[in-house]
Amino acid sequence: MSARTPTRTPGAVDARLPWWALALPVAAFAALLLLATGPGRTHASGGEPAVGRIAQQIQHTLSR
């Protein structure tokens, strides 16, 4: 007769996260990125903003 092995050790922490623990930070990041790169934003300088260049680089990288 074989002994049953425990699946969890006593005092172990459950590492599973609820779905919103990942969804909320992703949604907040997407909203802030859209606000930062929106077309309605006015610029004090004539140059292109750094955030816009980063967003274009990410889009170019993902389109490959």
PDB file of N, CA and C in Angstrom:
ATOM      1  N   MET A   1       0.827  -1.159   0.000  1.00  0.00           N
ATOM      2  CA  MET A   1       0.000   0.000   0.000  1.00  0.00           C
ATOM      3  C   MET A   1       0.889   1.245   0.000  1.00  0.00           C
ATOM      4  N   SER A   2       0.695   2.119  -0.960  1.00  0.00           N
ATOM      5  CA  SER A   2       1.558   3.294  -1.072  1.00  0.00           C
ATOM      6  C   SER A   2       0.971   4.467  -0.286  1.00  0.00           C
ATOM      7  N   ALA A   3       1.847   5.321   0.183  1.00  0.00           N
ATOM      8  CA  ALA A   3       1.427   6.498   0.940  1.00  0.00           C
ATOM      9  C   ALA A   3       1.051   7.620  -0.027  1.00  0.00           C
ATOM     10  N   ARG A   4       0.051   8.352   0.347  1.00  0.00           N
ATOM     11  CA  ARG A   4      -0.404   9.470  -0.480  1.00  0.00           C
ATOM     12  C   ARG A   4       0.502  10.678  -0.240  1.00  0.00           C
ATOM     13  N   THR A   5       0.987  11.306  -1.330  1.00  0.00           N
ATOM     14  CA  THR A   5       1.845  12.475  -1.189  1.00  0.00           C
ATOM     15  C   THR A   5       0.981  13.732  -1.148  1.00  0.00           C
ATOM     16  N   PRO A   6       1.274  14.647  -0.256  1.00  0.00           N
ATOM     17  CA  PRO A   6       0.475  15.874  -0.167  1.00  0.00           C
ATOM     18  C   PRO A   6       0.740  16.779  -1.368  1.00  0.00           C
ATOM     19  N   THR A   7      -0.304  17.458  -1.834  1.00  0.00           N
ATOM     20  CA  THR A   7      -0.153  18.373  -2.960  1.00  0.00           C
ATOM     21  C   THR A   7       0.317  19.751  -2.505  1.00  0.00           C
ATOM     22  N   ARG A   8       0.007  20.116  -1.273  1.00  0.00           N
ATOM     23  CA  ARG A   8       0.460  21.389  -0.701  1.00  0.00           C
ATOM     24  C   ARG A   8       1.116  21.132   0.638  1.00  0.00           C
ATOM     25  N   THR A   9       2.154  21.886   0.891  1.00  0.00           N
ATOM     26  CA  THR A   9       2.795  21.765   2.192  1.00  0.00           C
ATOM     27  C   THR A   9       2.051  22.637   3.195  1.00  0.00           C
ATOM     28  N   PRO A  10       2.047  22.266   4.441  1.00  0.00           N
ATOM     29  CA  PRO A  10       1.363  23.086   5.440  1.00  0.00           C
ATOM     30  C   PRO A  10       1.991  24.483   5.518  1.00  0.00           C
ATOM     31  N   GLY A  11       1.155  25.496   5.527  1.00  0.00           N
ATOM     32  CA  GLY A  11       1.635  26.868   5.602  1.00  0.00           C
ATOM     33  C   GLY A  11       2.006  27.464   4.252  1.00  0.00           C
ATOM     34  N   ALA A  12       1.787  26.734   3.161  1.00  0.00           N
ATOM     35  CA  ALA A  12       2.116  27.259   1.833  1.00  0.00           C
ATOM     36  C   ALA A  12       1.113  28.344   1.434  1.00  0.00           C
ATOM     37  N   VAL A  13       1.582  29.290   0.656  1.00  0.00           N
ATOM     38  CA  VAL A  13       0.747  30.400   0.212  1.00  0.00           C
ATOM     39  C   VAL A  13       0.184  30.066  -1.156  1.00  0.00           C
ATOM     40  N   ASP A  14      -1.103  30.344  -1.346  1.00  0.00           N
ATOM     41  CA  ASP A  14      -1.736  30.125  -2.640  1.00  0.00           C
ATOM     42  C   ASP A  14      -1.288  31.235  -3.577  1.00  0.00           C
ATOM     43  N   ALA A  15      -0.642  30.894  -4.691  1.00  0.00           N
ATOM     44  CA  ALA A  15      -0.041  31.882  -5.588  1.00  0.00           C
ATOM     45  C   ALA A  15      -0.957  32.292  -6.732  1.00  0.00           C
ATOM     46  N   ARG A  16      -2.166  31.773  -6.797  1.00  0.00           N
ATOM     47  CA  ARG A  16      -3.069  32.155  -7.884  1.00  0.00           C
ATOM     48  C   ARG A  16      -3.619  33.548  -7.654  1.00  0.00           C
ATOM     49  N   LEU A  17      -3.696  34.330  -8.741  1.00  0.00           N
ATOM     50  CA  LEU A  17      -4.218  35.688  -8.664  1.00  0.00           C
ATOM     51  C   LEU A  17      -5.602  35.738  -9.297  1.00  0.00           C
ATOM     52  N   PRO A  18      -6.464  36.611  -8.815  1.00  0.00           N
ATOM     53  CA  PRO A  18      -7.754  36.791  -9.488  1.00  0.00           C
ATOM     54  C   PRO A  18      -7.546  37.464 -10.850  1.00  0.00           C
ATOM     55  N   TRP A  19      -8.528  37.358 -11.722  1.00  0.00           N
ATOM     56  CA  TRP A  19      -8.393  37.873 -13.088  1.00  0.00           C
ATOM     57  C   TRP A  19      -8.159  39.373 -13.109  1.00  0.00           C
ATOM     58  N   TRP A  20      -8.732  40.094 -12.163  1.00  0.00           N
ATOM     59  CA  TRP A  20      -8.613  41.544 -12.176  1.00  0.00           C
ATOM     60  C   TRP A  20      -7.251  42.026 -11.702  1.00  0.00           C
ATOM     61  N   ALA A  21      -6.472  41.165 -11.078  1.00  0.00           N
ATOM     62  CA  ALA A  21      -5.145  41.564 -10.623  1.00  0.00           C
ATOM     63  C   ALA A  21      -4.204  41.816 -11.797  1.00  0.00           C
ATOM     64  N   LEU A  22      -4.492  41.254 -12.935  1.00  0.00           N
ATOM     65  CA  LEU A  22      -3.720  41.532 -14.141  1.00  0.00           C
ATOM     66  C   LEU A  22      -4.458  42.489 -15.067  1.00  0.00           C
ATOM     67  N   ALA A  23      -5.781  42.386 -15.112  1.00  0.00           N
ATOM     68  CA  ALA A  23      -6.566  43.200 -16.045  1.00  0.00           C
ATOM     69  C   ALA A  23      -6.540  44.684 -15.678  1.00  0.00           C
ATOM     70  N   LEU A  24      -6.603  45.025 -14.398  1.00  0.00           N
ATOM     71  CA  LEU A  24      -6.628  46.435 -14.008  1.00  0.00           C
ATOM     72  C   LEU A  24      -5.333  47.173 -14.338  1.00  0.00           C
ATOM     73  N   PRO A  25      -4.162  46.644 -14.045  1.00  0.00           N
ATOM     74  CA  PRO A  25      -2.941  47.363 -14.440  1.00  0.00           C
ATOM     75  C   PRO A  25      -2.789  47.473 -15.957  1.00  0.00           C
ATOM     76  N   VAL A  26      -3.195  46.454 -16.690  1.00  0.00           N
ATOM     77  CA  VAL A  26      -3.111  46.515 -18.148  1.00  0.00           C
ATOM     78  C   VAL A  26      -4.053  47.586 -18.691  1.00  0.00           C
ATOM     79  N   ALA A  27      -5.268  47.652 -18.166  1.00  0.00           N
ATOM     80  CA  ALA A  27      -6.225  48.666 -18.608  1.00  0.00           C
ATOM     81  C   ALA A  27      -5.738  50.069 -18.247  1.00  0.00           C
ATOM     82  N   ALA A  28      -5.167  50.242 -17.065  1.00  0.00           N
ATOM     83  CA  ALA A  28      -4.655  51.551 -16.660  1.00  0.00           C
ATOM     84  C   ALA A  28      -3.486  51.976 -17.544  1.00  0.00           C
ATOM     85  N   PHE A  29      -2.596  51.048 -17.860  1.00  0.00           N
ATOM     86  CA  PHE A  29      -1.462  51.366 -18.739  1.00  0.00           C
ATOM     87  C   PHE A  29      -1.950  51.750 -20.128  1.00  0.00           C
ATOM     88  N   ALA A  30      -2.907  51.005 -20.665  1.00  0.00           N
ATOM     89  CA  ALA A  30      -3.439  51.310 -21.996  1.00  0.00           C
ATOM     90  C   ALA A  30      -4.120  52.676 -22.013  1.00  0.00           C
ATOM     91  N   ALA A  31      -4.887  52.998 -20.974  1.00  0.00           N
ATOM     92  CA  ALA A  31      -5.564  54.287 -20.918  1.00  0.00           C
ATOM     93  C   ALA A  31      -4.562  55.433 -20.840  1.00  0.00           C
ATOM     94  N   LEU A  32      -3.527  55.286 -20.034  1.00  0.00           N
ATOM     95  CA  LEU A  32      -2.512  56.336 -19.932  1.00  0.00           C
ATOM     96  C   LEU A  32      -1.721  56.476 -21.221  1.00  0.00           C
ATOM     97  N   LEU A  33      -1.444  55.366 -21.888  1.00  0.00           N
ATOM     98  CA  LEU A  33      -0.732  55.424 -23.160  1.00  0.00           C
ATOM     99  C   LEU A  33      -1.576  56.124 -24.216  1.00  0.00           C
ATOM    100  N   LEU A  34      -2.872  55.848 -24.244  1.00  0.00           N
ATOM    101  CA  LEU A  34      -3.753  56.531 -25.188  1.00  0.00           C
ATOM    102  C   LEU A  34      -3.851  58.024 -24.889  1.00  0.00           C
ATOM    103  N   LEU A  35      -3.890  58.373 -23.626  1.00  0.00           N
ATOM    104  CA  LEU A  35      -3.931  59.793 -23.259  1.00  0.00           C
ATOM    105  C   LEU A  35      -2.638  60.504 -23.647  1.00  0.00           C
ATOM    106  N   ALA A  36      -1.522  59.829 -23.493  1.00  0.00           N
ATOM    107  CA  ALA A  36      -0.234  60.451 -23.785  1.00  0.00           C
ATOM    108  C   ALA A  36       0.015  60.576 -25.278  1.00  0.00           C
ATOM    109  N   THR A  37      -0.528  59.685 -26.088  1.00  0.00           N
ATOM    110  CA  THR A  37      -0.262  59.696 -27.522  1.00  0.00           C
ATOM    111  C   THR A  37      -1.463  60.132 -28.340  1.00  0.00           C
ATOM    112  N   GLY A  38      -2.483  60.682 -27.688  1.00  0.00           N
ATOM    113  CA  GLY A  38      -3.700  61.090 -28.386  1.00  0.00           C
ATOM    114  C   GLY A  38      -3.460  62.200 -29.395  1.00  0.00           C
ATOM    115  N   PRO A  39      -4.264  62.248 -30.448  1.00  0.00           N
ATOM    116  CA  PRO A  39      -4.071  63.264 -31.489  1.00  0.00           C
ATOM    117  C   PRO A  39      -4.501  64.668 -31.059  1.00  0.00           C
ATOM    118  N   GLY A  40      -5.304  64.799 -30.028  1.00  0.00           N
ATOM    119  CA  GLY A  40      -5.782  66.106 -29.596  1.00  0.00           C
ATOM    120  C   GLY A  40      -4.814  66.849 -28.689  1.00  0.00           C
ATOM    121  N   ARG A  41      -3.690  66.280 -28.417  1.00  0.00           N
ATOM    122  CA  ARG A  41      -2.727  66.878 -27.493  1.00  0.00           C
ATOM    123  C   ARG A  41      -1.989  68.025 -28.180  1.00  0.00           C
ATOM    124  N   THR A  42      -1.889  69.169 -27.500  1.00  0.00           N
ATOM    125  CA  THR A  42      -1.152  70.301 -28.046  1.00  0.00           C
ATOM    126  C   THR A  42       0.279  70.258 -27.547  1.00  0.00           C
ATOM    127  N   HIS A  43       1.178  70.764 -28.353  1.00  0.00           N
ATOM    128  CA  HIS A  43       2.601  70.714 -28.021  1.00  0.00           C
ATOM    129  C   HIS A  43       3.147  72.134 -27.940  1.00  0.00           C
ATOM    130  N   ALA A  44       3.962  72.410 -26.935  1.00  0.00           N
ATOM    131  CA  ALA A  44       4.593  73.712 -26.813  1.00  0.00           C
ATOM    132  C   ALA A  44       5.767  73.829 -27.778  1.00  0.00           C
ATOM    133  N   SER A  45       6.439  72.718 -28.023  1.00  0.00           N
ATOM    134  CA  SER A  45       7.565  72.736 -28.947  1.00  0.00           C
ATOM    135  C   SER A  45       7.132  72.191 -30.299  1.00  0.00           C
ATOM    136  N   GLY A  46       7.923  72.485 -31.312  1.00  0.00           N
ATOM    137  CA  GLY A  46       7.584  72.043 -32.660  1.00  0.00           C
ATOM    138  C   GLY A  46       7.975  70.606 -32.932  1.00  0.00           C
ATOM    139  N   GLY A  47       8.807  70.011 -32.081  1.00  0.00           N
ATOM    140  CA  GLY A  47       9.289  68.655 -32.309  1.00  0.00           C
ATOM    141  C   GLY A  47       8.273  67.610 -31.915  1.00  0.00           C
ATOM    142  N   GLU A  48       8.538  66.395 -32.346  1.00  0.00           N
ATOM    143  CA  GLU A  48       7.652  65.274 -32.026  1.00  0.00           C
ATOM    144  C   GLU A  48       7.931  64.810 -30.597  1.00  0.00           C
ATOM    145  N   PRO A  49       6.899  64.520 -29.811  1.00  0.00           N
ATOM    146  CA  PRO A  49       7.146  64.104 -28.418  1.00  0.00           C
ATOM    147  C   PRO A  49       7.806  62.722 -28.353  1.00  0.00           C
ATOM    148  N   ALA A  50       8.545  62.514 -27.290  1.00  0.00           N
ATOM    149  CA  ALA A  50       9.264  61.252 -27.119  1.00  0.00           C
ATOM    150  C   ALA A  50       8.304  60.078 -26.992  1.00  0.00           C
ATOM    151  N   VAL A  51       7.159  60.296 -26.342  1.00  0.00           N
ATOM    152  CA  VAL A  51       6.192  59.204 -26.174  1.00  0.00           C
ATOM    153  C   VAL A  51       5.643  58.777 -27.527  1.00  0.00           C
ATOM    154  N   GLY A  52       5.417  59.737 -28.413  1.00  0.00           N
ATOM    155  CA  GLY A  52       4.941  59.419 -29.757  1.00  0.00           C
ATOM    156  C   GLY A  52       5.952  58.613 -30.542  1.00  0.00           C
ATOM    157  N   ARG A  53       7.220  58.972 -30.388  1.00  0.00           N
ATOM    158  CA  ARG A  53       8.273  58.209 -31.070  1.00  0.00           C
ATOM    159  C   ARG A  53       8.363  56.796 -30.524  1.00  0.00           C
ATOM    160  N   ILE A  54       8.209  56.655 -29.213  1.00  0.00           N
ATOM    161  CA  ILE A  54       8.258  55.312 -28.608  1.00  0.00           C
ATOM    162  C   ILE A  54       7.079  54.476 -29.090  1.00  0.00           C
ATOM    163  N   ALA A  55       5.889  55.081 -29.136  1.00  0.00           N
ATOM    164  CA  ALA A  55       4.713  54.355 -29.611  1.00  0.00           C
ATOM    165  C   ALA A  55       4.877  53.943 -31.067  1.00  0.00           C
ATOM    166  N   GLN A  56       5.452  54.823 -31.899  1.00  0.00           N
ATOM    167  CA  GLN A  56       5.684  54.463 -33.299  1.00  0.00           C
ATOM    168  C   GLN A  56       6.700  53.335 -33.411  1.00  0.00           C
ATOM    169  N   GLN A  57       7.735  53.349 -32.582  1.00  0.00           N
ATOM    170  CA  GLN A  57       8.740  52.292 -32.614  1.00  0.00           C
ATOM    171  C   GLN A  57       8.134  50.957 -32.191  1.00  0.00           C
ATOM    172  N   ILE A  58       7.281  50.978 -31.180  1.00  0.00           N
ATOM    173  CA  ILE A  58       6.616  49.745 -30.742  1.00  0.00           C
ATOM    174  C   ILE A  58       5.716  49.217 -31.851  1.00  0.00           C
ATOM    175  N   GLN A  59       4.965  50.122 -32.495  1.00  0.00           N
ATOM    176  CA  GLN A  59       4.087  49.700 -33.587  1.00  0.00           C
ATOM    177  C   GLN A  59       4.897  49.148 -34.749  1.00  0.00           C
ATOM    178  N   HIS A  60       6.018  49.771 -35.063  1.00  0.00           N
ATOM    179  CA  HIS A  60       6.867  49.291 -36.155  1.00  0.00           C
ATOM    180  C   HIS A  60       7.464  47.928 -35.824  1.00  0.00           C
ATOM    181  N   THR A  61       7.873  47.749 -34.579  1.00  0.00           N
ATOM    182  CA  THR A  61       8.449  46.474 -34.152  1.00  0.00           C
ATOM    183  C   THR A  61       7.421  45.348 -34.197  1.00  0.00           C
ATOM    184  N   LEU A  62       6.193  45.641 -33.761  1.00  0.00           N
ATOM    185  CA  LEU A  62       5.149  44.611 -33.740  1.00  0.00           C
ATOM    186  C   LEU A  62       4.634  44.280 -35.132  1.00  0.00           C
ATOM    187  N   SER A  63       4.785  45.199 -36.094  1.00  0.00           N
ATOM    188  CA  SER A  63       4.267  44.938 -37.436  1.00  0.00           C
ATOM    189  C   SER A  63       5.198  44.069 -38.262  1.00  0.00           C
ATOM    190  N   ARG A  64       6.383  43.792 -37.781  1.00  0.00           N
ATOM    191  CA  ARG A  64       7.332  42.947 -38.526  1.00  0.00           C
ATOM    192  C   ARG A  64       6.918  41.521 -38.536  1.00  0.00           C
TER     193      ARG A  64
END
